[in-house]
Amino acid sequence: MDDQKHGKGMFTWANGDIYNGEYEEDKRHGYGVKHYKQGDVYEGYWFQGKRHGTGTYSWGNGDT
């Protein structure tokens, strides 16, 4: 049985970060939103687990 994440889903890290979006071969891949515990948010595209291409990073203080 393959336990790799693939398709749409949500993951919460032990530190409080949350990702909601697309996965491919167990990595964030495609469109998704990651909420960081300190209040920052990245909304956009991912490629093989890293932010890639078009997206918006917003810091917890309101800067974008």
C-alpha atoms as a PDB file:
ATOM      1  CA  MET A   1       0.000   0.000   0.000  1.00  0.00           C
ATOM      2  CA  ASP A   2       1.268   3.464  -0.925  1.00  0.00           C
ATOM      3  CA  ASP A   3       1.080   5.972   1.931  1.00  0.00           C
ATOM      4  CA  GLN A   4       2.254   8.961  -0.126  1.00  0.00           C
ATOM      5  CA  LYS A   5       0.011  12.015  -0.253  1.00  0.00           C
ATOM      6  CA  HIS A   6      -1.448  12.626  -3.719  1.00  0.00           C
ATOM      7  CA  GLY A   7      -4.340  14.880  -4.762  1.00  0.00           C
ATOM      8  CA  LYS A   8      -5.960  17.501  -2.543  1.00  0.00           C
ATOM      9  CA  GLY A   9      -5.502  17.452   1.190  1.00  0.00           C
ATOM     10  CA  MET A  10      -4.530  19.213   4.376  1.00  0.00           C
ATOM     11  CA  PHE A  11      -1.534  18.691   6.638  1.00  0.00           C
ATOM     12  CA  THR A  12      -0.810  20.180  10.060  1.00  0.00           C
ATOM     13  CA  TRP A  13       2.754  20.174  11.383  1.00  0.00           C
ATOM     14  CA  ALA A  14       3.478  19.704  15.092  1.00  0.00           C
ATOM     15  CA  ASN A  15       4.693  23.341  15.232  1.00  0.00           C
ATOM     16  CA  GLY A  16       1.247  24.624  14.152  1.00  0.00           C
ATOM     17  CA  ASP A  17       1.922  25.334  10.437  1.00  0.00           C
ATOM     18  CA  ILE A  18      -0.961  24.219   8.176  1.00  0.00           C
ATOM     19  CA  TYR A  19      -0.978  23.449   4.442  1.00  0.00           C
ATOM     20  CA  ASN A  20      -4.179  23.007   2.466  1.00  0.00           C
ATOM     21  CA  GLY A  21      -3.811  22.212  -1.209  1.00  0.00           C
ATOM     22  CA  GLU A  22      -2.534  19.810  -3.817  1.00  0.00           C
ATOM     23  CA  TYR A  23       0.048  17.047  -3.443  1.00  0.00           C
ATOM     24  CA  GLU A  24       1.951  14.911  -5.897  1.00  0.00           C
ATOM     25  CA  GLU A  25       4.260  12.064  -4.888  1.00  0.00           C
ATOM     26  CA  ASP A  26       4.067  13.102  -1.204  1.00  0.00           C
ATOM     27  CA  LYS A  27       5.155  16.722  -1.873  1.00  0.00           C
ATOM     28  CA  ARG A  28       3.239  20.007  -2.023  1.00  0.00           C
ATOM     29  CA  HIS A  29       2.737  20.376  -5.757  1.00  0.00           C
ATOM     30  CA  GLY A  30       0.187  22.533  -7.593  1.00  0.00           C
ATOM     31  CA  TYR A  31      -1.952  25.176  -5.921  1.00  0.00           C
ATOM     32  CA  GLY A  32      -2.071  25.484  -2.145  1.00  0.00           C
ATOM     33  CA  VAL A  33      -2.120  27.736   0.895  1.00  0.00           C
ATOM     34  CA  LYS A  34       0.300  27.444   3.807  1.00  0.00           C
ATOM     35  CA  HIS A  35      -0.437  29.204   7.091  1.00  0.00           C
ATOM     36  CA  TYR A  36       2.659  29.617   9.245  1.00  0.00           C
ATOM     37  CA  LYS A  37       2.321  29.603  13.036  1.00  0.00           C
ATOM     38  CA  GLN A  38       3.686  33.180  13.331  1.00  0.00           C
ATOM     39  CA  GLY A  39       0.798  34.473  11.172  1.00  0.00           C
ATOM     40  CA  ASP A  40       2.426  34.534   7.713  1.00  0.00           C
ATOM     41  CA  VAL A  41       0.521  33.028   4.767  1.00  0.00           C
ATOM     42  CA  TYR A  42       1.675  31.876   1.331  1.00  0.00           C
ATOM     43  CA  GLU A  43      -1.027  31.351  -1.268  1.00  0.00           C
ATOM     44  CA  GLY A  44       0.033  30.156  -4.676  1.00  0.00           C
ATOM     45  CA  TYR A  45       1.820  27.451  -6.581  1.00  0.00           C
ATOM     46  CA  TRP A  46       4.216  24.792  -5.368  1.00  0.00           C
ATOM     47  CA  PHE A  47       6.647  22.570  -7.245  1.00  0.00           C
ATOM     48  CA  GLN A  48       8.133  19.479  -5.613  1.00  0.00           C
ATOM     49  CA  GLY A  49       7.538  20.805  -2.094  1.00  0.00           C
ATOM     50  CA  LYS A  50       8.794  24.383  -2.607  1.00  0.00           C
ATOM     51  CA  ARG A  51       7.068  27.678  -3.385  1.00  0.00           C
ATOM     52  CA  HIS A  52       7.310  28.175  -7.122  1.00  0.00           C
ATOM     53  CA  GLY A  53       5.820  30.447  -9.762  1.00  0.00           C
ATOM     54  CA  THR A  54       2.899  32.747  -9.085  1.00  0.00           C
ATOM     55  CA  GLY A  55       1.936  33.329  -5.487  1.00  0.00           C
ATOM     56  CA  THR A  56       1.451  35.859  -2.706  1.00  0.00           C
ATOM     57  CA  TYR A  57       3.320  35.853   0.596  1.00  0.00           C
ATOM     58  CA  SER A  58       1.697  37.878   3.350  1.00  0.00           C
ATOM     59  CA  TRP A  59       3.486  38.527   6.623  1.00  0.00           C
ATOM     60  CA  GLY A  60       1.619  38.492   9.917  1.00  0.00           C
ATOM     61  CA  ASN A  61       2.026  42.283  10.200  1.00  0.00           C
ATOM     62  CA  GLY A  62      -0.078  42.809   7.039  1.00  0.00           C
ATOM     63  CA  ASP A  63       2.751  43.387   4.549  1.00  0.00           C
ATOM     64  CA  THR A  64       2.426  41.492   1.255  1.00  0.00           C
END
